[in-house]
């Protein structure tokens, strides 16, 4: 099954065309990736281990949720879809907490405090082998051991440090 991405320019403006993920991107073509990082009250992040059958980074640990935004979706819609697909959860999201630019596009991060009980009924599935709560030291240890997707350590630390700011969306605010 093909996965289509809306193409954007350096200013995040639509180029008016799509690209098939399998074909890759040409120079000047960018797309949006999303990550949703779920944190509990102890400051631990829910992390997932990708299945061994995933084509990219099989068997490695990752942030709570991640994936590309499909053609026709907004960043938020793509993030909500990925959360449903990977964790089987329906959540509420505000706007992205921050965005990292990378070689092939824009990586929107949504940080959310929530009280998701484990185990999750939808895990394991075709994409996620297991999930668990992890603190910064756990994630950095996995990263240094080559067991976490090869994000820059400074980026991982930034995600955890950002949690301390007051603009993190709390799912309990909806009650």
N, C-alpha and C. Protein backbone atom coordinates (compact mmCIF):
# COMPACT_ATOMS: atom_id res chain seq x y z
N UNK A 1 0.85 -1.18 0.00
CA UNK A 1 0.00 0.00 0.00
C UNK A 1 0.88 1.23 0.00
N UNK A 2 0.63 2.16 -0.89
CA UNK A 2 1.49 3.34 -0.97
C UNK A 2 1.05 4.38 0.07
N UNK A 3 2.03 5.15 0.49
CA UNK A 3 1.79 6.23 1.46
C UNK A 3 2.16 7.53 0.78
N UNK A 4 1.19 8.43 0.64
CA UNK A 4 1.43 9.71 -0.02
C UNK A 4 1.64 10.81 1.00
N UNK A 5 2.59 11.68 0.70
CA UNK A 5 2.90 12.84 1.55
C UNK A 5 2.62 14.12 0.76
N UNK A 6 2.03 15.11 1.41
CA UNK A 6 1.97 16.45 0.83
C UNK A 6 3.37 17.03 0.86
N UNK A 7 3.76 17.70 -0.22
CA UNK A 7 5.09 18.29 -0.29
C UNK A 7 5.05 19.77 0.07
N UNK A 8 6.07 20.19 0.81
CA UNK A 8 6.18 21.57 1.28
C UNK A 8 7.53 22.14 0.88
N UNK A 9 7.61 23.48 0.91
CA UNK A 9 8.90 24.12 0.67
C UNK A 9 9.56 24.46 2.01
N UNK A 10 10.70 25.15 1.96
CA UNK A 10 11.46 25.49 3.17
C UNK A 10 10.66 26.33 4.16
N UNK A 11 9.66 27.05 3.68
CA UNK A 11 8.83 27.89 4.55
C UNK A 11 7.56 27.17 5.01
N UNK A 12 7.52 25.88 4.76
CA UNK A 12 6.38 25.03 5.13
C UNK A 12 5.13 25.37 4.33
N UNK A 13 5.33 25.95 3.17
CA UNK A 13 4.21 26.26 2.28
C UNK A 13 4.01 25.10 1.31
N UNK A 14 2.74 24.74 1.02
CA UNK A 14 2.46 23.62 0.12
C UNK A 14 3.00 23.87 -1.29
N UNK A 15 3.59 22.83 -1.86
CA UNK A 15 4.06 22.90 -3.24
C UNK A 15 2.96 22.51 -4.22
N UNK A 16 1.82 22.03 -3.71
CA UNK A 16 0.69 21.68 -4.57
C UNK A 16 0.81 20.32 -5.22
N UNK A 17 1.66 19.47 -4.67
CA UNK A 17 1.79 18.11 -5.19
C UNK A 17 2.16 17.16 -4.06
N UNK A 18 2.07 15.87 -4.35
CA UNK A 18 2.37 14.84 -3.36
C UNK A 18 3.54 13.98 -3.86
N UNK A 19 4.07 13.20 -2.94
CA UNK A 19 5.11 12.22 -3.28
C UNK A 19 4.77 10.91 -2.60
N UNK A 20 5.09 9.83 -3.25
CA UNK A 20 4.95 8.50 -2.67
C UNK A 20 6.17 8.24 -1.80
N UNK A 21 5.93 7.81 -0.57
CA UNK A 21 7.03 7.55 0.36
C UNK A 21 8.09 6.65 -0.26
N UNK A 22 7.65 5.64 -0.99
CA UNK A 22 8.59 4.68 -1.57
C UNK A 22 9.52 5.33 -2.60
N UNK A 23 9.06 6.40 -3.24
CA UNK A 23 9.87 7.06 -4.27
C UNK A 23 10.87 8.04 -3.67
N UNK A 24 10.66 8.43 -2.44
CA UNK A 24 11.57 9.39 -1.81
C UNK A 24 11.27 10.81 -2.24
N UNK A 25 12.10 11.71 -1.75
CA UNK A 25 11.92 13.13 -2.02
C UNK A 25 13.07 13.66 -2.88
N UNK A 26 12.77 14.66 -3.68
CA UNK A 26 13.79 15.35 -4.47
C UNK A 26 14.23 16.60 -3.72
N UNK A 27 15.31 17.21 -4.16
CA UNK A 27 15.78 18.45 -3.53
C UNK A 27 14.66 19.48 -3.51
N UNK A 28 14.51 20.14 -2.38
CA UNK A 28 13.50 21.18 -2.25
C UNK A 28 12.13 20.67 -1.86
N UNK A 29 11.97 19.36 -1.77
CA UNK A 29 10.70 18.77 -1.36
C UNK A 29 10.82 18.32 0.09
N UNK A 30 9.89 18.78 0.91
CA UNK A 30 9.90 18.45 2.33
C UNK A 30 8.53 17.91 2.75
N UNK A 31 8.48 17.21 3.88
CA UNK A 31 7.21 16.70 4.39
C UNK A 31 7.19 16.82 5.91
N UNK A 32 6.04 16.46 6.52
CA UNK A 32 5.87 16.60 7.96
C UNK A 32 5.85 15.23 8.62
N UNK A 33 6.62 15.12 9.69
CA UNK A 33 6.63 13.95 10.56
C UNK A 33 6.10 14.41 11.92
N UNK A 34 5.43 13.52 12.64
CA UNK A 34 4.91 13.86 13.96
C UNK A 34 5.42 12.87 15.00
N UNK A 35 5.60 13.38 16.20
CA UNK A 35 5.87 12.54 17.38
C UNK A 35 4.93 12.99 18.48
N UNK A 36 4.35 12.04 19.16
CA UNK A 36 3.54 12.33 20.34
C UNK A 36 4.27 11.69 21.51
N UNK A 37 4.61 12.50 22.50
CA UNK A 37 5.31 12.03 23.68
C UNK A 37 4.37 12.12 24.87
N UNK A 38 3.98 10.96 25.38
CA UNK A 38 3.06 10.88 26.51
C UNK A 38 3.88 10.75 27.79
N UNK A 39 3.59 11.62 28.77
CA UNK A 39 4.31 11.63 30.04
C UNK A 39 3.34 11.38 31.19
N UNK A 40 3.81 10.67 32.21
CA UNK A 40 3.00 10.50 33.41
C UNK A 40 3.38 11.56 34.44
N UNK A 41 2.74 11.53 35.59
CA UNK A 41 2.98 12.53 36.63
C UNK A 41 4.38 12.46 37.24
N UNK A 42 5.07 11.35 37.05
CA UNK A 42 6.44 11.20 37.58
C UNK A 42 7.49 11.68 36.58
N UNK A 43 7.04 12.24 35.45
CA UNK A 43 7.97 12.73 34.45
C UNK A 43 8.54 11.65 33.56
N UNK A 44 7.93 10.47 33.58
CA UNK A 44 8.38 9.38 32.71
C UNK A 44 7.61 9.44 31.39
N UNK A 45 8.31 9.09 30.33
CA UNK A 45 7.69 9.05 29.01
C UNK A 45 7.31 7.62 28.66
N UNK A 46 6.15 7.46 28.04
CA UNK A 46 5.78 6.17 27.49
C UNK A 46 6.63 5.96 26.24
N UNK A 47 7.42 4.89 26.21
CA UNK A 47 8.22 4.60 25.02
C UNK A 47 7.72 3.29 24.42
N UNK A 48 7.96 3.13 23.14
CA UNK A 48 7.53 1.93 22.43
C UNK A 48 8.73 1.26 21.78
N UNK A 49 8.66 -0.08 21.74
CA UNK A 49 9.65 -0.83 20.97
C UNK A 49 8.98 -1.26 19.68
N UNK A 50 9.61 -0.88 18.57
CA UNK A 50 9.08 -1.19 17.25
C UNK A 50 9.19 -2.69 16.99
N UNK A 51 8.25 -3.22 16.22
CA UNK A 51 8.30 -4.65 15.91
C UNK A 51 9.54 -4.95 15.07
N UNK A 52 9.94 -6.19 15.10
CA UNK A 52 11.11 -6.62 14.32
C UNK A 52 10.83 -6.65 12.83
N UNK A 53 9.58 -6.51 12.43
CA UNK A 53 9.21 -6.54 11.01
C UNK A 53 9.10 -5.15 10.39
N UNK A 54 9.27 -4.09 11.20
CA UNK A 54 9.22 -2.72 10.66
C UNK A 54 10.41 -2.53 9.71
N UNK A 55 10.18 -1.91 8.55
CA UNK A 55 11.29 -1.72 7.61
C UNK A 55 12.36 -0.74 8.11
N UNK A 56 11.94 0.26 8.88
CA UNK A 56 12.89 1.24 9.41
C UNK A 56 13.05 1.03 10.91
N UNK A 57 14.27 0.93 11.36
CA UNK A 57 14.61 0.79 12.78
C UNK A 57 13.87 -0.35 13.47
N UNK A 58 13.88 -1.57 12.89
CA UNK A 58 13.17 -2.69 13.52
C UNK A 58 13.75 -3.00 14.90
N UNK A 59 12.84 -3.28 15.84
CA UNK A 59 13.24 -3.72 17.17
C UNK A 59 13.79 -2.64 18.09
N UNK A 60 13.90 -1.40 17.60
CA UNK A 60 14.45 -0.34 18.43
C UNK A 60 13.35 0.38 19.20
N UNK A 61 13.73 0.96 20.34
CA UNK A 61 12.83 1.76 21.14
C UNK A 61 12.68 3.13 20.50
N UNK A 62 11.55 3.78 20.76
CA UNK A 62 11.24 5.08 20.16
C UNK A 62 10.38 5.88 21.13
N UNK A 63 10.16 7.14 20.81
CA UNK A 63 9.22 7.95 21.56
C UNK A 63 7.86 7.26 21.57
N UNK A 64 6.90 7.79 22.30
CA UNK A 64 5.59 7.15 22.45
C UNK A 64 4.97 6.79 21.11
N UNK A 65 4.97 7.74 20.18
CA UNK A 65 4.34 7.55 18.86
C UNK A 65 5.12 8.37 17.84
N UNK A 66 5.21 7.88 16.63
CA UNK A 66 5.84 8.66 15.57
C UNK A 66 5.44 8.17 14.20
N UNK A 67 5.43 9.09 13.23
CA UNK A 67 5.13 8.71 11.87
C UNK A 67 4.95 9.92 10.98
N UNK A 68 4.81 9.65 9.71
CA UNK A 68 4.64 10.72 8.72
C UNK A 68 3.17 11.11 8.59
N UNK A 69 2.96 12.38 8.32
CA UNK A 69 1.62 12.90 8.04
C UNK A 69 1.27 12.53 6.61
N UNK A 70 0.09 11.98 6.41
CA UNK A 70 -0.36 11.57 5.08
C UNK A 70 -0.92 12.76 4.30
N UNK A 71 -0.91 12.63 2.99
CA UNK A 71 -1.48 13.67 2.13
C UNK A 71 -2.92 13.96 2.55
N UNK A 72 -3.24 15.23 2.64
CA UNK A 72 -4.58 15.66 3.01
C UNK A 72 -4.81 15.81 4.50
N UNK A 73 -3.86 15.38 5.32
CA UNK A 73 -3.99 15.51 6.77
C UNK A 73 -3.26 16.75 7.26
N UNK A 74 -3.73 17.29 8.36
CA UNK A 74 -2.96 18.29 9.09
C UNK A 74 -1.98 17.54 9.99
N UNK A 75 -1.04 18.27 10.55
CA UNK A 75 -0.11 17.67 11.50
C UNK A 75 -0.87 17.02 12.65
N UNK A 76 -1.83 17.74 13.21
CA UNK A 76 -2.61 17.23 14.34
C UNK A 76 -3.39 15.98 13.96
N UNK A 77 -4.02 15.98 12.80
CA UNK A 77 -4.76 14.80 12.35
C UNK A 77 -3.84 13.60 12.18
N UNK A 78 -2.65 13.83 11.63
CA UNK A 78 -1.68 12.75 11.48
C UNK A 78 -1.23 12.21 12.83
N UNK A 79 -1.02 13.10 13.79
CA UNK A 79 -0.60 12.69 15.13
C UNK A 79 -1.70 11.85 15.79
N UNK A 80 -2.95 12.29 15.69
CA UNK A 80 -4.05 11.53 16.28
C UNK A 80 -4.20 10.16 15.63
N UNK A 81 -4.04 10.10 14.30
CA UNK A 81 -4.12 8.82 13.59
C UNK A 81 -3.01 7.88 14.06
N UNK A 82 -1.79 8.41 14.17
CA UNK A 82 -0.67 7.57 14.60
C UNK A 82 -0.88 7.03 16.02
N UNK A 83 -1.43 7.85 16.91
CA UNK A 83 -1.70 7.39 18.27
C UNK A 83 -2.71 6.24 18.26
N UNK A 84 -3.76 6.37 17.44
CA UNK A 84 -4.75 5.29 17.33
C UNK A 84 -4.13 4.03 16.74
N UNK A 85 -3.34 4.19 15.66
CA UNK A 85 -2.74 3.03 15.00
C UNK A 85 -1.75 2.31 15.90
N UNK A 86 -0.89 3.06 16.56
CA UNK A 86 0.22 2.45 17.30
C UNK A 86 -0.14 2.05 18.72
N UNK A 87 -1.00 2.83 19.39
CA UNK A 87 -1.31 2.56 20.79
C UNK A 87 -2.77 2.21 21.05
N UNK A 88 -3.63 2.42 20.05
CA UNK A 88 -5.05 2.14 20.22
C UNK A 88 -5.75 3.13 21.12
N UNK A 89 -5.20 4.34 21.25
CA UNK A 89 -5.77 5.36 22.14
C UNK A 89 -6.41 6.49 21.33
N UNK A 90 -7.50 7.01 21.86
CA UNK A 90 -8.10 8.23 21.35
C UNK A 90 -7.83 9.32 22.38
N UNK A 91 -7.07 10.32 21.98
CA UNK A 91 -6.67 11.38 22.90
C UNK A 91 -7.03 12.72 22.30
N UNK A 92 -6.87 13.76 23.07
CA UNK A 92 -7.02 15.13 22.60
C UNK A 92 -5.63 15.74 22.50
N UNK A 93 -5.41 16.55 21.48
CA UNK A 93 -4.13 17.24 21.32
C UNK A 93 -4.37 18.71 21.02
N UNK A 94 -3.52 19.54 21.56
CA UNK A 94 -3.49 20.96 21.22
C UNK A 94 -2.55 21.09 20.02
N UNK A 95 -1.99 22.26 19.84
CA UNK A 95 -1.03 22.45 18.74
C UNK A 95 0.30 21.80 19.14
N UNK A 96 1.22 21.62 18.18
CA UNK A 96 2.52 21.04 18.53
C UNK A 96 3.23 21.87 19.60
N UNK A 97 3.94 21.19 20.48
CA UNK A 97 4.72 21.87 21.51
C UNK A 97 5.93 22.58 20.91
N UNK A 98 6.53 21.93 19.91
CA UNK A 98 7.66 22.52 19.19
C UNK A 98 7.90 21.72 17.92
N UNK A 99 8.74 22.26 17.04
CA UNK A 99 9.09 21.61 15.78
C UNK A 99 10.60 21.61 15.61
N UNK A 100 11.15 20.47 15.24
CA UNK A 100 12.54 20.38 14.81
C UNK A 100 12.53 20.36 13.29
N UNK A 101 13.40 21.11 12.67
CA UNK A 101 13.59 20.98 11.22
C UNK A 101 14.64 19.91 11.00
N UNK A 102 14.46 19.10 9.97
CA UNK A 102 15.46 18.09 9.61
C UNK A 102 15.62 18.09 8.10
N UNK A 103 16.55 17.31 7.62
CA UNK A 103 16.93 17.33 6.21
C UNK A 103 15.74 17.18 5.26
N UNK A 104 14.76 16.36 5.64
CA UNK A 104 13.65 16.06 4.74
C UNK A 104 12.33 16.71 5.15
N UNK A 105 12.38 17.62 6.14
CA UNK A 105 11.14 18.27 6.48
C UNK A 105 11.06 18.83 7.88
N UNK A 106 9.88 18.68 8.45
CA UNK A 106 9.53 19.28 9.74
C UNK A 106 9.04 18.18 10.66
N UNK A 107 9.56 18.15 11.87
CA UNK A 107 9.22 17.12 12.84
C UNK A 107 8.47 17.78 13.99
N UNK A 108 7.14 17.69 13.97
CA UNK A 108 6.29 18.30 14.99
C UNK A 108 6.19 17.39 16.20
N UNK A 109 6.46 17.94 17.37
CA UNK A 109 6.37 17.19 18.62
C UNK A 109 5.19 17.67 19.44
N UNK A 110 4.36 16.74 19.85
CA UNK A 110 3.23 16.99 20.73
C UNK A 110 3.56 16.34 22.06
N UNK A 111 3.63 17.12 23.13
CA UNK A 111 3.90 16.59 24.46
C UNK A 111 2.62 16.66 25.27
N UNK A 112 2.31 15.59 25.94
CA UNK A 112 1.05 15.48 26.65
C UNK A 112 1.26 14.75 27.97
N UNK A 113 0.79 15.35 29.05
CA UNK A 113 0.74 14.64 30.33
C UNK A 113 -0.57 13.88 30.37
N UNK A 114 -0.49 12.61 30.71
CA UNK A 114 -1.70 11.79 30.75
C UNK A 114 -1.47 10.63 31.70
N UNK A 115 -2.53 9.99 32.09
CA UNK A 115 -2.42 8.87 33.01
C UNK A 115 -2.86 7.58 32.33
N UNK A 116 -2.16 7.21 31.27
CA UNK A 116 -2.47 6.01 30.51
C UNK A 116 -2.06 4.78 31.33
N UNK A 117 -3.02 3.91 31.67
CA UNK A 117 -2.66 2.71 32.42
C UNK A 117 -2.06 1.64 31.50
N UNK A 118 -1.08 0.94 32.02
CA UNK A 118 -0.48 -0.17 31.27
C UNK A 118 -0.94 -1.47 31.90
N UNK A 119 -1.04 -2.54 31.13
CA UNK A 119 -0.72 -2.66 29.70
C UNK A 119 -1.83 -2.07 28.83
N UNK A 120 -1.45 -1.77 27.59
CA UNK A 120 -2.41 -1.26 26.60
C UNK A 120 -2.99 -2.45 25.84
N UNK A 121 -4.30 -2.49 25.71
CA UNK A 121 -4.96 -3.61 25.04
C UNK A 121 -4.55 -3.75 23.58
N UNK A 122 -4.20 -2.63 22.92
CA UNK A 122 -3.88 -2.66 21.49
C UNK A 122 -2.43 -3.05 21.20
N UNK A 123 -1.62 -3.22 22.23
CA UNK A 123 -0.19 -3.55 22.06
C UNK A 123 0.04 -4.93 22.67
N UNK A 124 0.70 -5.84 21.93
CA UNK A 124 1.41 -5.63 20.67
C UNK A 124 0.47 -5.60 19.46
N UNK A 125 1.03 -5.03 18.36
CA UNK A 125 0.32 -4.98 17.09
C UNK A 125 1.34 -5.03 15.96
N UNK A 126 0.94 -4.72 14.73
CA UNK A 126 1.86 -4.83 13.59
C UNK A 126 3.02 -3.85 13.65
N UNK A 127 2.86 -2.77 14.42
CA UNK A 127 3.90 -1.74 14.47
C UNK A 127 4.66 -1.69 15.79
N UNK A 128 3.97 -2.00 16.89
CA UNK A 128 4.54 -1.83 18.22
C UNK A 128 4.60 -3.18 18.93
N UNK A 129 5.80 -3.57 19.37
CA UNK A 129 5.97 -4.84 20.07
C UNK A 129 5.63 -4.72 21.55
N UNK A 130 6.02 -3.60 22.17
CA UNK A 130 5.76 -3.40 23.59
C UNK A 130 5.92 -1.92 23.94
N UNK A 131 5.37 -1.54 25.09
CA UNK A 131 5.51 -0.19 25.60
C UNK A 131 5.88 -0.27 27.08
N UNK A 132 6.49 0.81 27.56
CA UNK A 132 6.78 0.91 28.99
C UNK A 132 7.07 2.36 29.33
N UNK A 133 7.00 2.70 30.62
CA UNK A 133 7.35 4.04 31.08
C UNK A 133 8.86 4.09 31.29
N UNK A 134 9.47 5.22 30.92
CA UNK A 134 10.92 5.37 31.07
C UNK A 134 11.26 6.81 31.45
N UNK A 135 12.24 6.97 32.32
CA UNK A 135 12.70 8.32 32.65
C UNK A 135 13.85 8.70 31.72
N UNK A 136 14.33 9.91 31.85
CA UNK A 136 15.38 10.40 30.97
C UNK A 136 16.61 9.49 30.99
N UNK A 137 17.04 9.07 32.17
CA UNK A 137 18.22 8.21 32.25
C UNK A 137 18.01 6.89 31.52
N UNK A 138 16.80 6.32 31.62
CA UNK A 138 16.49 5.07 30.90
C UNK A 138 16.62 5.28 29.39
N UNK A 139 16.03 6.36 28.89
CA UNK A 139 16.05 6.62 27.45
C UNK A 139 17.47 6.89 26.96
N UNK A 140 18.22 7.70 27.69
CA UNK A 140 19.60 7.99 27.30
C UNK A 140 20.43 6.70 27.33
N UNK A 141 20.20 5.85 28.31
CA UNK A 141 20.91 4.57 28.37
C UNK A 141 20.61 3.71 27.16
N UNK A 142 19.34 3.62 26.77
CA UNK A 142 18.96 2.86 25.58
C UNK A 142 19.58 3.47 24.32
N UNK A 143 19.58 4.80 24.25
CA UNK A 143 20.15 5.50 23.10
C UNK A 143 21.65 5.21 22.99
N UNK A 144 22.38 5.33 24.09
CA UNK A 144 23.83 5.08 24.08
C UNK A 144 24.17 3.62 23.79
N UNK A 145 23.26 2.72 24.14
CA UNK A 145 23.47 1.29 23.89
C UNK A 145 23.07 0.87 22.48
N UNK A 146 22.59 1.84 21.67
CA UNK A 146 22.16 1.52 20.31
C UNK A 146 20.82 0.81 20.25
N UNK A 147 20.02 0.90 21.33
CA UNK A 147 18.73 0.23 21.39
C UNK A 147 17.56 1.19 21.20
N UNK A 148 17.85 2.46 21.01
CA UNK A 148 16.83 3.49 20.78
C UNK A 148 17.13 4.09 19.41
N UNK A 149 16.12 4.53 18.69
CA UNK A 149 16.35 5.17 17.39
C UNK A 149 17.40 6.26 17.58
N UNK A 150 18.25 6.43 16.59
CA UNK A 150 19.43 7.29 16.74
C UNK A 150 19.15 8.79 16.67
N UNK A 151 18.29 9.26 17.58
CA UNK A 151 18.10 10.69 17.73
C UNK A 151 19.34 11.26 18.41
N UNK A 152 19.57 12.53 18.22
CA UNK A 152 20.65 13.18 18.97
C UNK A 152 20.27 13.17 20.44
N UNK A 153 21.24 12.89 21.28
CA UNK A 153 20.99 12.89 22.72
C UNK A 153 20.47 14.25 23.18
N UNK A 154 21.00 15.31 22.59
CA UNK A 154 20.55 16.66 22.96
C UNK A 154 19.06 16.85 22.65
N UNK A 155 18.56 16.22 21.58
CA UNK A 155 17.14 16.32 21.24
C UNK A 155 16.29 15.58 22.27
N UNK A 156 16.74 14.41 22.68
CA UNK A 156 16.02 13.64 23.70
C UNK A 156 15.98 14.43 25.00
N UNK A 157 17.11 15.00 25.39
CA UNK A 157 17.15 15.80 26.62
C UNK A 157 16.23 17.02 26.50
N UNK A 158 16.18 17.63 25.33
CA UNK A 158 15.31 18.78 25.11
C UNK A 158 13.85 18.41 25.35
N UNK A 159 13.43 17.24 24.85
CA UNK A 159 12.05 16.80 25.02
C UNK A 159 11.72 16.70 26.51
N UNK A 160 12.59 16.06 27.28
CA UNK A 160 12.34 15.92 28.71
C UNK A 160 12.42 17.28 29.42
N UNK A 161 13.37 18.13 29.04
CA UNK A 161 13.48 19.45 29.66
C UNK A 161 12.27 20.31 29.35
N UNK A 162 11.73 20.18 28.15
CA UNK A 162 10.57 20.97 27.74
C UNK A 162 9.35 20.63 28.60
N UNK A 163 9.32 19.41 29.10
CA UNK A 163 8.21 18.97 29.94
C UNK A 163 8.02 19.87 31.15
N UNK A 164 9.10 20.45 31.65
CA UNK A 164 9.03 21.29 32.84
C UNK A 164 8.36 22.63 32.58
N UNK A 165 8.20 23.01 31.33
CA UNK A 165 7.54 24.28 31.04
C UNK A 165 6.04 24.16 31.24
N UNK A 166 5.39 25.23 31.52
CA UNK A 166 3.98 25.20 31.88
C UNK A 166 3.03 25.09 30.69
N UNK A 167 3.52 25.14 29.46
CA UNK A 167 2.61 25.10 28.33
C UNK A 167 2.39 23.68 27.80
N UNK A 168 2.71 22.67 28.58
CA UNK A 168 2.45 21.31 28.17
C UNK A 168 0.97 21.01 28.40
N UNK A 169 0.33 20.48 27.40
CA UNK A 169 -1.09 20.18 27.48
C UNK A 169 -1.29 19.01 28.43
N UNK A 170 -2.25 19.13 29.33
CA UNK A 170 -2.57 18.09 30.30
C UNK A 170 -3.95 17.54 29.95
N UNK A 171 -4.04 16.25 29.70
CA UNK A 171 -5.31 15.66 29.29
C UNK A 171 -6.39 15.84 30.35
N UNK A 172 -6.00 16.00 31.59
CA UNK A 172 -6.99 16.18 32.66
C UNK A 172 -7.65 17.55 32.58
N UNK A 173 -7.09 18.49 31.82
CA UNK A 173 -7.71 19.81 31.64
C UNK A 173 -9.05 19.69 30.91
N UNK A 174 -9.29 18.58 30.24
CA UNK A 174 -10.51 18.40 29.46
C UNK A 174 -11.68 17.94 30.32
N UNK A 175 -11.39 17.49 31.52
CA UNK A 175 -12.45 16.92 32.37
C UNK A 175 -13.27 18.00 33.01
